[in-house]
């Protein structure tokens, strides 16, 4: 396994751990400061800058602290160049279930999320 693949997987693990634990610092460590999260809801494209998202993470109870079951899965890693990769994964913070598409760029030797696009399914 290449060092890049190992580093990308480690960044994804940090992301998933940060989501489950509600640890904004872990999340910030893998998201580039200029990154944003984008989703569609009712036909409207909604972008959210990274720092606004991190503030929201800090202000809510984590899935871990709420005793929610953790289930996440990397579905695909596609490294298209020495500095570009795409990761598709599933994760959950019940009752919301997510499919995330993370665009990674290797910046100054470190893999960071440049953009997150996601879809959400709410299950009651």
PDB file of N, CA and C in Angstrom:
ATOM      1  N   UNK A   1       0.856  -1.181   0.000  1.00  0.00           N
ATOM      2  CA  UNK A   1       0.000   0.000   0.000  1.00  0.00           C
ATOM      3  C   UNK A   1       0.898   1.238   0.000  1.00  0.00           C
ATOM      4  N   UNK A   2       0.569   2.189  -0.840  1.00  0.00           N
ATOM      5  CA  UNK A   2       1.407   3.381  -0.944  1.00  0.00           C
ATOM      6  C   UNK A   2       1.271   4.250   0.292  1.00  0.00           C
ATOM      7  N   UNK A   3       2.296   5.061   0.520  1.00  0.00           N
ATOM      8  CA  UNK A   3       2.255   6.002   1.641  1.00  0.00           C
ATOM      9  C   UNK A   3       1.098   6.981   1.496  1.00  0.00           C
ATOM     10  N   UNK A   4       0.791   7.382   0.250  1.00  0.00           N
ATOM     11  CA  UNK A   4      -0.340   8.288   0.036  1.00  0.00           C
ATOM     12  C   UNK A   4      -1.645   7.628   0.448  1.00  0.00           C
ATOM     13  N   UNK A   5      -1.837   6.403   0.063  1.00  0.00           N
ATOM     14  CA  UNK A   5      -3.075   5.689   0.413  1.00  0.00           C
ATOM     15  C   UNK A   5      -3.210   5.586   1.936  1.00  0.00           C
ATOM     16  N   UNK A   6      -2.124   5.283   2.606  1.00  0.00           N
ATOM     17  CA  UNK A   6      -2.134   5.198   4.070  1.00  0.00           C
ATOM     18  C   UNK A   6      -2.481   6.558   4.673  1.00  0.00           C
ATOM     19  N   UNK A   7      -1.905   7.623   4.136  1.00  0.00           N
ATOM     20  CA  UNK A   7      -2.156   8.977   4.653  1.00  0.00           C
ATOM     21  C   UNK A   7      -3.596   9.414   4.394  1.00  0.00           C
ATOM     22  N   UNK A   8      -4.137   9.063   3.236  1.00  0.00           N
ATOM     23  CA  UNK A   8      -5.539   9.400   2.930  1.00  0.00           C
ATOM     24  C   UNK A   8      -6.466   8.653   3.885  1.00  0.00           C
ATOM     25  N   UNK A   9      -6.219   7.362   4.073  1.00  0.00           N
ATOM     26  CA  UNK A   9      -7.043   6.581   4.995  1.00  0.00           C
ATOM     27  C   UNK A   9      -6.945   7.123   6.421  1.00  0.00           C
ATOM     28  N   UNK A  10      -5.766   7.555   6.830  1.00  0.00           N
ATOM     29  CA  UNK A  10      -5.597   8.132   8.174  1.00  0.00           C
ATOM     30  C   UNK A  10      -6.389   9.429   8.309  1.00  0.00           C
ATOM     31  N   UNK A  11      -6.379  10.253   7.261  1.00  0.00           N
ATOM     32  CA  UNK A  11      -7.159  11.496   7.290  1.00  0.00           C
ATOM     33  C   UNK A  11      -8.649  11.191   7.366  1.00  0.00           C
ATOM     34  N   UNK A  12      -9.106  10.190   6.629  1.00  0.00           N
ATOM     35  CA  UNK A  12     -10.521   9.799   6.678  1.00  0.00           C
ATOM     36  C   UNK A  12     -10.876   9.278   8.070  1.00  0.00           C
ATOM     37  N   UNK A  13     -10.001   8.490   8.670  1.00  0.00           N
ATOM     38  CA  UNK A  13     -10.253   7.977  10.019  1.00  0.00           C
ATOM     39  C   UNK A  13     -10.349   9.139  11.015  1.00  0.00           C
ATOM     40  N   UNK A  14      -9.470  10.112  10.902  1.00  0.00           N
ATOM     41  CA  UNK A  14      -9.528  11.285  11.780  1.00  0.00           C
ATOM     42  C   UNK A  14     -10.841  12.019  11.589  1.00  0.00           C
ATOM     43  N   UNK A  15     -11.279  12.163  10.339  1.00  0.00           N
ATOM     44  CA  UNK A  15     -12.562  12.803  10.035  1.00  0.00           C
ATOM     45  C   UNK A  15     -13.716  12.049  10.696  1.00  0.00           C
ATOM     46  N   UNK A  16     -13.759  10.732  10.507  1.00  0.00           N
ATOM     47  CA  UNK A  16     -14.856   9.945  11.062  1.00  0.00           C
ATOM     48  C   UNK A  16     -14.821   9.936  12.594  1.00  0.00           C
ATOM     49  N   UNK A  17     -13.630   9.856  13.173  1.00  0.00           N
ATOM     50  CA  UNK A  17     -13.514   9.942  14.627  1.00  0.00           C
ATOM     51  C   UNK A  17     -14.011  11.301  15.119  1.00  0.00           C
ATOM     52  N   UNK A  18     -13.610  12.364  14.429  1.00  0.00           N
ATOM     53  CA  UNK A  18     -14.033  13.712  14.809  1.00  0.00           C
ATOM     54  C   UNK A  18     -15.537  13.887  14.730  1.00  0.00           C
ATOM     55  N   UNK A  19     -16.155  13.318  13.701  1.00  0.00           N
ATOM     56  CA  UNK A  19     -17.618  13.386  13.583  1.00  0.00           C
ATOM     57  C   UNK A  19     -18.289  12.687  14.752  1.00  0.00           C
ATOM     58  N   UNK A  20     -17.873  11.454  15.027  1.00  0.00           N
ATOM     59  CA  UNK A  20     -18.505  10.661  16.073  1.00  0.00           C
ATOM     60  C   UNK A  20     -18.291  11.291  17.457  1.00  0.00           C
ATOM     61  N   UNK A  21     -17.093  11.775  17.694  1.00  0.00           N
ATOM     62  CA  UNK A  21     -16.749  12.353  18.997  1.00  0.00           C
ATOM     63  C   UNK A  21     -17.179  13.806  19.151  1.00  0.00           C
ATOM     64  N   UNK A  22     -17.569  14.447  18.040  1.00  0.00           N
ATOM     65  CA  UNK A  22     -17.894  15.872  18.088  1.00  0.00           C
ATOM     66  C   UNK A  22     -16.664  16.717  18.339  1.00  0.00           C
ATOM     67  N   UNK A  23     -15.522  16.274  17.841  1.00  0.00           N
ATOM     68  CA  UNK A  23     -14.240  16.934  18.085  1.00  0.00           C
ATOM     69  C   UNK A  23     -13.899  17.849  16.906  1.00  0.00           C
ATOM     70  N   UNK A  24     -14.220  19.116  17.061  1.00  0.00           N
ATOM     71  CA  UNK A  24     -14.006  20.085  15.985  1.00  0.00           C
ATOM     72  C   UNK A  24     -12.526  20.248  15.650  1.00  0.00           C
ATOM     73  N   UNK A  25     -11.651  20.066  16.629  1.00  0.00           N
ATOM     74  CA  UNK A  25     -10.220  20.197  16.358  1.00  0.00           C
ATOM     75  C   UNK A  25      -9.723  19.070  15.452  1.00  0.00           C
ATOM     76  N   UNK A  26     -10.215  17.858  15.677  1.00  0.00           N
ATOM     77  CA  UNK A  26      -9.853  16.755  14.772  1.00  0.00           C
ATOM     78  C   UNK A  26     -10.350  17.047  13.362  1.00  0.00           C
ATOM     79  N   UNK A  27     -11.588  17.522  13.265  1.00  0.00           N
ATOM     80  CA  UNK A  27     -12.145  17.832  11.949  1.00  0.00           C
ATOM     81  C   UNK A  27     -11.340  18.934  11.266  1.00  0.00           C
ATOM     82  N   UNK A  28     -11.004  19.969  12.018  1.00  0.00           N
ATOM     83  CA  UNK A  28     -10.232  21.081  11.450  1.00  0.00           C
ATOM     84  C   UNK A  28      -8.872  20.615  10.946  1.00  0.00           C
ATOM     85  N   UNK A  29      -8.321  19.584  11.578  1.00  0.00           N
ATOM     86  CA  UNK A  29      -6.994  19.120  11.171  1.00  0.00           C
ATOM     87  C   UNK A  29      -6.982  18.465   9.795  1.00  0.00           C
ATOM     88  N   UNK A  30      -8.138  18.022   9.303  1.00  0.00           N
ATOM     89  CA  UNK A  30      -8.181  17.384   7.985  1.00  0.00           C
ATOM     90  C   UNK A  30      -8.916  18.210   6.932  1.00  0.00           C
ATOM     91  N   UNK A  31      -9.563  19.297   7.338  1.00  0.00           N
ATOM     92  CA  UNK A  31     -10.249  20.173   6.388  1.00  0.00           C
ATOM     93  C   UNK A  31      -9.423  21.429   6.182  1.00  0.00           C
ATOM     94  N   UNK A  32      -9.121  21.737   4.930  1.00  0.00           N
ATOM     95  CA  UNK A  32      -8.373  22.952   4.617  1.00  0.00           C
ATOM     96  C   UNK A  32      -9.181  24.167   5.082  1.00  0.00           C
ATOM     97  N   UNK A  33      -8.528  25.221   5.568  1.00  0.00           N
ATOM     98  CA  UNK A  33      -9.264  26.402   6.047  1.00  0.00           C
ATOM     99  C   UNK A  33     -10.205  27.020   5.019  1.00  0.00           C
ATOM    100  N   UNK A  34      -9.935  26.848   3.738  1.00  0.00           N
ATOM    101  CA  UNK A  34     -10.810  27.431   2.709  1.00  0.00           C
ATOM    102  C   UNK A  34     -11.910  26.471   2.269  1.00  0.00           C
ATOM    103  N   UNK A  35     -11.969  25.280   2.851  1.00  0.00           N
ATOM    104  CA  UNK A  35     -12.940  24.277   2.422  1.00  0.00           C
ATOM    105  C   UNK A  35     -14.355  24.650   2.845  1.00  0.00           C
ATOM    106  N   UNK A  36     -15.300  23.961   2.231  1.00  0.00           N
ATOM    107  CA  UNK A  36     -16.712  24.159   2.551  1.00  0.00           C
ATOM    108  C   UNK A  36     -17.431  22.822   2.419  1.00  0.00           C
ATOM    109  N   UNK A  37     -18.604  22.774   3.011  1.00  0.00           N
ATOM    110  CA  UNK A  37     -19.488  21.626   2.886  1.00  0.00           C
ATOM    111  C   UNK A  37     -20.665  22.087   2.038  1.00  0.00           C
ATOM    112  N   UNK A  38     -21.092  21.260   1.105  1.00  0.00           N
ATOM    113  CA  UNK A  38     -22.168  21.647   0.206  1.00  0.00           C
ATOM    114  C   UNK A  38     -23.167  20.507   0.093  1.00  0.00           C
ATOM    115  N   UNK A  39     -24.444  20.868   0.114  1.00  0.00           N
ATOM    116  CA  UNK A  39     -25.504  19.878  -0.051  1.00  0.00           C
ATOM    117  C   UNK A  39     -26.692  20.519  -0.743  1.00  0.00           C
ATOM    118  N   UNK A  40     -27.591  19.661  -1.190  1.00  0.00           N
ATOM    119  CA  UNK A  40     -28.830  20.092  -1.853  1.00  0.00           C
ATOM    120  C   UNK A  40     -29.980  19.743  -0.928  1.00  0.00           C
ATOM    121  N   UNK A  41     -30.904  20.692  -0.782  1.00  0.00           N
ATOM    122  CA  UNK A  41     -32.108  20.433   0.001  1.00  0.00           C
ATOM    123  C   UNK A  41     -33.268  21.167  -0.645  1.00  0.00           C
ATOM    124  N   UNK A  42     -34.292  20.409  -1.021  1.00  0.00           N
ATOM    125  CA  UNK A  42     -35.475  20.971  -1.679  1.00  0.00           C
ATOM    126  C   UNK A  42     -35.110  21.777  -2.919  1.00  0.00           C
ATOM    127  N   UNK A  43     -34.142  21.270  -3.681  1.00  0.00           N
ATOM    128  CA  UNK A  43     -33.746  21.912  -4.923  1.00  0.00           C
ATOM    129  C   UNK A  43     -32.822  23.095  -4.764  1.00  0.00           C
ATOM    130  N   UNK A  44     -32.367  23.358  -3.528  1.00  0.00           N
ATOM    131  CA  UNK A  44     -31.498  24.514  -3.277  1.00  0.00           C
ATOM    132  C   UNK A  44     -30.104  24.021  -2.887  1.00  0.00           C
ATOM    133  N   UNK A  45     -29.093  24.553  -3.555  1.00  0.00           N
ATOM    134  CA  UNK A  45     -27.708  24.249  -3.225  1.00  0.00           C
ATOM    135  C   UNK A  45     -27.301  25.102  -2.038  1.00  0.00           C
ATOM    136  N   UNK A  46     -26.767  24.458  -0.999  1.00  0.00           N
ATOM    137  CA  UNK A  46     -26.396  25.180   0.212  1.00  0.00           C
ATOM    138  C   UNK A  46     -24.924  24.937   0.522  1.00  0.00           C
ATOM    139  N   UNK A  47     -24.090  25.986   0.462  1.00  0.00           N
ATOM    140  CA  UNK A  47     -22.696  25.849   0.883  1.00  0.00           C
ATOM    141  C   UNK A  47     -22.544  26.331   2.329  1.00  0.00           C
ATOM    142  N   UNK A  48     -21.659  25.684   3.061  1.00  0.00           N
ATOM    143  CA  UNK A  48     -21.380  26.064   4.441  1.00  0.00           C
ATOM    144  C   UNK A  48     -19.865  26.108   4.622  1.00  0.00           C
ATOM    145  N   UNK A  49     -19.301  27.289   4.900  1.00  0.00           N
ATOM    146  CA  UNK A  49     -17.853  27.366   5.118  1.00  0.00           C
ATOM    147  C   UNK A  49     -17.418  26.497   6.294  1.00  0.00           C
ATOM    148  N   UNK A  50     -16.225  25.979   6.200  1.00  0.00           N
ATOM    149  CA  UNK A  50     -15.686  25.069   7.210  1.00  0.00           C
ATOM    150  C   UNK A  50     -15.835  25.616   8.625  1.00  0.00           C
ATOM    151  N   UNK A  51     -15.453  26.861   8.864  1.00  0.00           N
ATOM    152  CA  UNK A  51     -15.454  27.381  10.229  1.00  0.00           C
ATOM    153  C   UNK A  51     -16.866  27.499  10.804  1.00  0.00           C
ATOM    154  N   UNK A  52     -17.857  27.785   9.976  1.00  0.00           N
ATOM    155  CA  UNK A  52     -19.248  27.803  10.464  1.00  0.00           C
ATOM    156  C   UNK A  52     -19.691  26.395  10.854  1.00  0.00           C
ATOM    157  N   UNK A  53     -19.291  25.410  10.061  1.00  0.00           N
ATOM    158  CA  UNK A  53     -19.604  24.016  10.381  1.00  0.00           C
ATOM    159  C   UNK A  53     -18.941  23.604  11.696  1.00  0.00           C
ATOM    160  N   UNK A  54     -17.671  23.967  11.865  1.00  0.00           N
ATOM    161  CA  UNK A  54     -16.962  23.606  13.093  1.00  0.00           C
ATOM    162  C   UNK A  54     -17.626  24.239  14.312  1.00  0.00           C
ATOM    163  N   UNK A  55     -18.120  25.468  14.184  1.00  0.00           N
ATOM    164  CA  UNK A  55     -18.855  26.106  15.282  1.00  0.00           C
ATOM    165  C   UNK A  55     -20.105  25.300  15.633  1.00  0.00           C
ATOM    166  N   UNK A  56     -20.793  24.807  14.616  1.00  0.00           N
ATOM    167  CA  UNK A  56     -21.992  23.998  14.852  1.00  0.00           C
ATOM    168  C   UNK A  56     -21.630  22.689  15.551  1.00  0.00           C
ATOM    169  N   UNK A  57     -20.526  22.079  15.151  1.00  0.00           N
ATOM    170  CA  UNK A  57     -20.076  20.837  15.787  1.00  0.00           C
ATOM    171  C   UNK A  57     -19.787  21.081  17.270  1.00  0.00           C
ATOM    172  N   UNK A  58     -19.139  22.213  17.551  1.00  0.00           N
ATOM    173  CA  UNK A  58     -18.804  22.537  18.950  1.00  0.00           C
ATOM    174  C   UNK A  58     -20.045  22.760  19.808  1.00  0.00           C
ATOM    175  N   UNK A  59     -21.136  23.186  19.201  1.00  0.00           N
ATOM    176  CA  UNK A  59     -22.318  23.572  19.977  1.00  0.00           C
ATOM    177  C   UNK A  59     -23.358  22.457  20.118  1.00  0.00           C
ATOM    178  N   UNK A  60     -23.095  21.287  19.550  1.00  0.00           N
ATOM    179  CA  UNK A  60     -24.077  20.201  19.653  1.00  0.00           C
ATOM    180  C   UNK A  60     -23.480  19.010  20.404  1.00  0.00           C
ATOM    181  N   UNK A  61     -24.356  18.221  20.969  1.00  0.00           N
ATOM    182  CA  UNK A  61     -23.920  16.999  21.636  1.00  0.00           C
ATOM    183  C   UNK A  61     -23.430  16.011  20.588  1.00  0.00           C
ATOM    184  N   UNK A  62     -22.335  15.351  20.865  1.00  0.00           N
ATOM    185  CA  UNK A  62     -21.774  14.391  19.915  1.00  0.00           C
ATOM    186  C   UNK A  62     -22.581  13.096  19.908  1.00  0.00           C
ATOM    187  N   UNK A  63     -22.442  12.351  18.832  1.00  0.00           N
ATOM    188  CA  UNK A  63     -23.074  11.034  18.752  1.00  0.00           C
ATOM    189  C   UNK A  63     -22.531  10.133  19.862  1.00  0.00           C
ATOM    190  N   UNK A  64     -21.247  10.220  20.142  1.00  0.00           N
ATOM    191  CA  UNK A  64     -20.642   9.409  21.196  1.00  0.00           C
ATOM    192  C   UNK A  64     -21.241   9.743  22.556  1.00  0.00           C
ATOM    193  N   UNK A  65     -21.362  11.050  22.871  1.00  0.00           N
ATOM    194  CA  UNK A  65     -21.886  11.449  24.184  1.00  0.00           C
ATOM    195  C   UNK A  65     -23.365  11.096  24.332  1.00  0.00           C
ATOM    196  N   UNK A  66     -24.059  10.939  23.207  1.00  0.00           N
ATOM    197  CA  UNK A  66     -25.481  10.570  23.235  1.00  0.00           C
ATOM    198  C   UNK A  66     -25.668   9.053  23.236  1.00  0.00           C
ATOM    199  N   UNK A  67     -24.565   8.314  23.214  1.00  0.00           N
ATOM    200  CA  UNK A  67     -24.637   6.852  23.242  1.00  0.00           C
ATOM    201  C   UNK A  67     -25.137   6.235  21.954  1.00  0.00           C
ATOM    202  N   UNK A  68     -25.000   6.961  20.846  1.00  0.00           N
ATOM    203  CA  UNK A  68     -25.470   6.447  19.561  1.00  0.00           C
ATOM    204  C   UNK A  68     -24.478   5.434  18.999  1.00  0.00           C
ATOM    205  N   UNK A  69     -24.996   4.494  18.263  1.00  0.00           N
ATOM    206  CA  UNK A  69     -24.174   3.469  17.635  1.00  0.00           C
ATOM    207  C   UNK A  69     -23.370   4.090  16.497  1.00  0.00           C
ATOM    208  N   UNK A  70     -22.120   3.681  16.415  1.00  0.00           N
ATOM    209  CA  UNK A  70     -21.262   4.164  15.328  1.00  0.00           C
ATOM    210  C   UNK A  70     -21.217   3.137  14.214  1.00  0.00           C
ATOM    211  N   UNK A  71     -21.443   3.617  13.001  1.00  0.00           N
ATOM    212  CA  UNK A  71     -21.254   2.793  11.819  1.00  0.00           C
ATOM    213  C   UNK A  71     -20.808   3.716  10.698  1.00  0.00           C
ATOM    214  N   UNK A  72     -19.616   3.500  10.222  1.00  0.00           N
ATOM    215  CA  UNK A  72     -19.132   4.244   9.061  1.00  0.00           C
ATOM    216  C   UNK A  72     -18.352   3.288   8.178  1.00  0.00           C
ATOM    217  N   UNK A  73     -18.286   3.643   6.920  1.00  0.00           N
ATOM    218  CA  UNK A  73     -17.685   2.738   5.946  1.00  0.00           C
ATOM    219  C   UNK A  73     -17.120   3.536   4.781  1.00  0.00           C
ATOM    220  N   UNK A  74     -15.858   3.273   4.460  1.00  0.00           N
ATOM    221  CA  UNK A  74     -15.253   3.854   3.264  1.00  0.00           C
ATOM    222  C   UNK A  74     -15.687   2.994   2.084  1.00  0.00           C
ATOM    223  N   UNK A  75     -16.346   3.611   1.123  1.00  0.00           N
ATOM    224  CA  UNK A  75     -16.845   2.887  -0.049  1.00  0.00           C
ATOM    225  C   UNK A  75     -15.867   2.923  -1.212  1.00  0.00           C
ATOM    226  N   UNK A  76     -15.110   4.017  -1.305  1.00  0.00           N
ATOM    227  CA  UNK A  76     -14.216   4.171  -2.458  1.00  0.00           C
ATOM    228  C   UNK A  76     -13.130   5.182  -2.145  1.00  0.00           C
ATOM    229  N   UNK A  77     -11.918   4.868  -2.558  1.00  0.00           N
ATOM    230  CA  UNK A  77     -10.816   5.839  -2.572  1.00  0.00           C
ATOM    231  C   UNK A  77     -10.245   5.812  -3.971  1.00  0.00           C
ATOM    232  N   UNK A  78     -10.203   6.972  -4.599  1.00  0.00           N
ATOM    233  CA  UNK A  78      -9.688   7.089  -5.957  1.00  0.00           C
ATOM    234  C   UNK A  78      -8.637   8.195  -5.964  1.00  0.00           C
ATOM    235  N   UNK A  79      -7.388   7.800  -6.080  1.00  0.00           N
ATOM    236  CA  UNK A  79      -6.312   8.786  -6.172  1.00  0.00           C
ATOM    237  C   UNK A  79      -5.968   8.958  -7.637  1.00  0.00           C
ATOM    238  N   UNK A  80      -6.264  10.139  -8.165  1.00  0.00           N
ATOM    239  CA  UNK A  80      -6.096  10.359  -9.599  1.00  0.00           C
ATOM    240  C   UNK A  80      -4.757  10.991  -9.966  1.00  0.00           C
ATOM    241  N   UNK A  81      -4.031  11.494  -8.983  1.00  0.00           N
ATOM    242  CA  UNK A  81      -2.711  12.073  -9.225  1.00  0.00           C
ATOM    243  C   UNK A  81      -1.952  12.074  -7.902  1.00  0.00           C
ATOM    244  N   UNK A  82      -0.706  12.467  -7.903  1.00  0.00           N
ATOM    245  CA  UNK A  82       0.042  12.516  -6.648  1.00  0.00           C
ATOM    246  C   UNK A  82      -0.514  13.522  -5.633  1.00  0.00           C
ATOM    247  N   UNK A  83      -1.393  14.415  -6.098  1.00  0.00           N
ATOM    248  CA  UNK A  83      -1.909  15.449  -5.188  1.00  0.00           C
ATOM    249  C   UNK A  83      -3.431  15.553  -5.154  1.00  0.00           C
ATOM    250  N   UNK A  84      -4.136  14.606  -5.794  1.00  0.00           N
ATOM    251  CA  UNK A  84      -5.589  14.677  -5.868  1.00  0.00           C
ATOM    252  C   UNK A  84      -6.194  13.309  -5.568  1.00  0.00           C
ATOM    253  N   UNK A  85      -7.222  13.316  -4.697  1.00  0.00           N
ATOM    254  CA  UNK A  85      -7.913  12.056  -4.383  1.00  0.00           C
ATOM    255  C   UNK A  85      -9.376  12.349  -4.073  1.00  0.00           C
ATOM    256  N   UNK A  86     -10.178  11.311  -4.230  1.00  0.00           N
ATOM    257  CA  UNK A  86     -11.613  11.377  -3.967  1.00  0.00           C
ATOM    258  C   UNK A  86     -11.966  10.215  -3.050  1.00  0.00           C
ATOM    259  N   UNK A  87     -12.770  10.503  -2.028  1.00  0.00           N
ATOM    260  CA  UNK A  87     -13.213   9.454  -1.114  1.00  0.00           C
ATOM    261  C   UNK A  87     -14.730   9.518  -0.987  1.00  0.00           C
ATOM    262  N   UNK A  88     -15.360   8.373  -1.150  1.00  0.00           N
ATOM    263  CA  UNK A  88     -16.806   8.238  -0.935  1.00  0.00           C
ATOM    264  C   UNK A  88     -16.990   7.373   0.293  1.00  0.00           C
ATOM    265  N   UNK A  89     -17.855   7.823   1.217  1.00  0.00           N
ATOM    266  CA  UNK A  89     -18.066   7.062   2.436  1.00  0.00           C
ATOM    267  C   UNK A  89     -19.476   7.232   2.947  1.00  0.00           C
ATOM    268  N   UNK A  90     -19.838   6.334   3.834  1.00  0.00           N
ATOM    269  CA  UNK A  90     -21.123   6.407   4.530  1.00  0.00           C
ATOM    270  C   UNK A  90     -20.837   6.569   6.007  1.00  0.00           C
ATOM    271  N   UNK A  91     -21.672   7.384   6.671  1.00  0.00           N
ATOM    272  CA  UNK A  91     -21.575   7.551   8.115  1.00  0.00           C
ATOM    273  C   UNK A  91     -22.955   7.943   8.631  1.00  0.00           C
ATOM    274  N   UNK A  92     -23.064   7.975   9.949  1.00  0.00           N
ATOM    275  CA  UNK A  92     -24.382   8.267  10.510  1.00  0.00           C
ATOM    276  C   UNK A  92     -24.269   9.019  11.815  1.00  0.00           C
ATOM    277  N   UNK A  93     -25.231   9.886  12.027  1.00  0.00           N
ATOM    278  CA  UNK A  93     -25.515  10.494  13.315  1.00  0.00           C
ATOM    279  C   UNK A  93     -27.034  10.416  13.411  1.00  0.00           C
ATOM    280  N   UNK A  94     -27.532   9.229  13.833  1.00  0.00           N
ATOM    281  CA  UNK A  94     -28.977   8.999  13.809  1.00  0.00           C
ATOM    282  C   UNK A  94     -29.762  10.144  14.443  1.00  0.00           C
ATOM    283  N   UNK A  95     -30.853  10.508  13.798  1.00  0.00           N
ATOM    284  CA  UNK A  95     -31.566   9.807  12.728  1.00  0.00           C
ATOM    285  C   UNK A  95     -31.097  10.180  11.326  1.00  0.00           C
ATOM    286  N   UNK A  96     -29.935  10.863  11.215  1.00  0.00           N
ATOM    287  CA  UNK A  96     -29.447  11.277   9.899  1.00  0.00           C
ATOM    288  C   UNK A  96     -28.349  10.327   9.429  1.00  0.00           C
ATOM    289  N   UNK A  97     -28.488   9.891   8.177  1.00  0.00           N
ATOM    290  CA  UNK A  97     -27.547   8.965   7.560  1.00  0.00           C
ATOM    291  C   UNK A  97     -26.979   9.655   6.327  1.00  0.00           C
ATOM    292  N   UNK A  98     -25.651   9.655   6.213  1.00  0.00           N
ATOM    293  CA  UNK A  98     -24.972  10.465   5.213  1.00  0.00           C
ATOM    294  C   UNK A  98     -24.203   9.626   4.203  1.00  0.00           C
ATOM    295  N   UNK A  99     -24.139  10.120   2.984  1.00  0.00           N
ATOM    296  CA  UNK A  99     -23.162   9.696   1.996  1.00  0.00           C
ATOM    297  C   UNK A  99     -22.317  10.929   1.727  1.00  0.00           C
ATOM    298  N   UNK A 100     -21.026  10.811   2.003  1.00  0.00           N
ATOM    299  CA  UNK A 100     -20.101  11.940   1.841  1.00  0.00           C
ATOM    300  C   UNK A 100     -19.190  11.693   0.652  1.00  0.00           C
ATOM    301  N   UNK A 101     -18.927  12.755  -0.073  1.00  0.00           N
ATOM    302  CA  UNK A 101     -17.961  12.766  -1.155  1.00  0.00           C
ATOM    303  C   UNK A 101     -16.906  13.790  -0.769  1.00  0.00           C
ATOM    304  N   UNK A 102     -15.713  13.313  -0.439  1.00  0.00           N
ATOM    305  CA  UNK A 102     -14.644  14.187   0.019  1.00  0.00           C
ATOM    306  C   UNK A 102     -13.598  14.336  -1.075  1.00  0.00           C
ATOM    307  N   UNK A 103     -13.345  15.572  -1.481  1.00  0.00           N
ATOM    308  CA  UNK A 103     -12.283  15.853  -2.447  1.00  0.00           C
ATOM    309  C   UNK A 103     -11.041  16.269  -1.663  1.00  0.00           C
ATOM    310  N   UNK A 104     -10.004  15.460  -1.783  1.00  0.00           N
ATOM    311  CA  UNK A 104      -8.748  15.713  -1.084  1.00  0.00           C
ATOM    312  C   UNK A 104      -7.714  16.305  -2.029  1.00  0.00           C
ATOM    313  N   UNK A 105      -6.902  17.206  -1.492  1.00  0.00           N
ATOM    314  CA  UNK A 105      -5.722  17.713  -2.181  1.00  0.00           C
ATOM    315  C   UNK A 105      -4.545  17.567  -1.229  1.00  0.00           C
ATOM    316  N   UNK A 106      -3.401  17.221  -1.782  1.00  0.00           N
ATOM    317  CA  UNK A 106      -2.182  17.126  -0.980  1.00  0.00           C
ATOM    318  C   UNK A 106      -1.508  18.487  -1.029  1.00  0.00           C
ATOM    319  N   UNK A 107      -1.519  19.173   0.102  1.00  0.00           N
ATOM    320  CA  UNK A 107      -1.003  20.534   0.186  1.00  0.00           C
ATOM    321  C   UNK A 107       0.152  20.539   1.174  1.00  0.00           C
ATOM    322  N   UNK A 108       1.305  20.955   0.683  1.00  0.00           N
ATOM    323  CA  UNK A 108       2.521  20.982   1.507  1.00  0.00           C
ATOM    324  C   UNK A 108       2.752  19.631   2.178  1.00  0.00           C
ATOM    325  N   UNK A 109       2.526  18.556   1.413  1.00  0.00           N
ATOM    326  CA  UNK A 109       2.798  17.212   1.885  1.00  0.00           C
ATOM    327  C   UNK A 109       1.726  16.586   2.752  1.00  0.00           C
ATOM    328  N   UNK A 110       0.596  17.281   2.952  1.00  0.00           N
ATOM    329  CA  UNK A 110      -0.469  16.772   3.828  1.00  0.00           C
ATOM    330  C   UNK A 110      -1.774  16.676   3.053  1.00  0.00           C
ATOM    331  N   UNK A 111      -2.462  15.537   3.181  1.00  0.00           N
ATOM    332  CA  UNK A 111      -3.755  15.356   2.540  1.00  0.00           C
ATOM    333  C   UNK A 111      -4.822  16.071   3.350  1.00  0.00           C
ATOM    334  N   UNK A 112      -5.555  16.986   2.677  1.00  0.00           N
ATOM    335  CA  UNK A 112      -6.613  17.749   3.326  1.00  0.00           C
ATOM    336  C   UNK A 112      -7.865  17.761   2.461  1.00  0.00           C
ATOM    337  N   UNK A 113      -9.018  17.804   3.136  1.00  0.00           N
ATOM    338  CA  UNK A 113     -10.284  17.910   2.417  1.00  0.00           C
ATOM    339  C   UNK A 113     -10.414  19.338   1.898  1.00  0.00           C
ATOM    340  N   UNK A 114     -10.562  19.465   0.584  1.00  0.00           N
ATOM    341  CA  UNK A 114     -10.761  20.772  -0.034  1.00  0.00           C
ATOM    342  C   UNK A 114     -12.248  21.083  -0.183  1.00  0.00           C
ATOM    343  N   UNK A 115     -13.062  20.023  -0.296  1.00  0.00           N
ATOM    344  CA  UNK A 115     -14.506  20.188  -0.474  1.00  0.00           C
ATOM    345  C   UNK A 115     -15.217  18.926  -0.033  1.00  0.00           C
ATOM    346  N   UNK A 116     -16.324  19.114   0.663  1.00  0.00           N
ATOM    347  CA  UNK A 116     -17.188  17.991   1.031  1.00  0.00           C
ATOM    348  C   UNK A 116     -18.558  18.253   0.430  1.00  0.00           C
ATOM    349  N   UNK A 117     -19.052  17.296  -0.347  1.00  0.00           N
ATOM    350  CA  UNK A 117     -20.410  17.325  -0.869  1.00  0.00           C
ATOM    351  C   UNK A 117     -21.102  16.107  -0.269  1.00  0.00           C
ATOM    352  N   UNK A 118     -22.315  16.286   0.224  1.00  0.00           N
ATOM    353  CA  UNK A 118     -22.955  15.156   0.880  1.00  0.00           C
ATOM    354  C   UNK A 118     -24.457  15.139   0.650  1.00  0.00           C
ATOM    355  N   UNK A 119     -25.015  13.960   0.886  1.00  0.00           N
ATOM    356  CA  UNK A 119     -26.469  13.794   0.887  1.00  0.00           C
ATOM    357  C   UNK A 119     -26.858  13.219   2.224  1.00  0.00           C
ATOM    358  N   UNK A 120     -28.077  13.506   2.649  1.00  0.00           N
ATOM    359  CA  UNK A 120     -28.586  13.065   3.940  1.00  0.00           C
ATOM    360  C   UNK A 120     -29.927  12.366   3.772  1.00  0.00           C
ATOM    361  N   UNK A 121     -30.073  11.278   4.496  1.00  0.00           N
ATOM    362  CA  UNK A 121     -31.349  10.593   4.578  1.00  0.00           C
ATOM    363  C   UNK A 121     -31.762  10.604   6.047  1.00  0.00           C
ATOM    364  N   UNK A 122     -32.972  11.033   6.325  1.00  0.00           N
ATOM    365  CA  UNK A 122     -33.472  11.034   7.703  1.00  0.00           C
ATOM    366  C   UNK A 122     -34.350   9.814   7.877  1.00  0.00           C
ATOM    367  N   UNK A 123     -34.042   9.049   8.905  1.00  0.00           N
ATOM    368  CA  UNK A 123     -34.818   7.851   9.239  1.00  0.00           C
ATOM    369  C   UNK A 123     -35.377   8.016  10.631  1.00  0.00           C
ATOM    370  N   UNK A 124     -36.647   7.849  10.771  1.00  0.00           N
ATOM    371  CA  UNK A 124     -37.301   7.985  12.082  1.00  0.00           C
ATOM    372  C   UNK A 124     -37.253   6.714  12.874  1.00  0.00           C
TER     373      UNK A 124
END
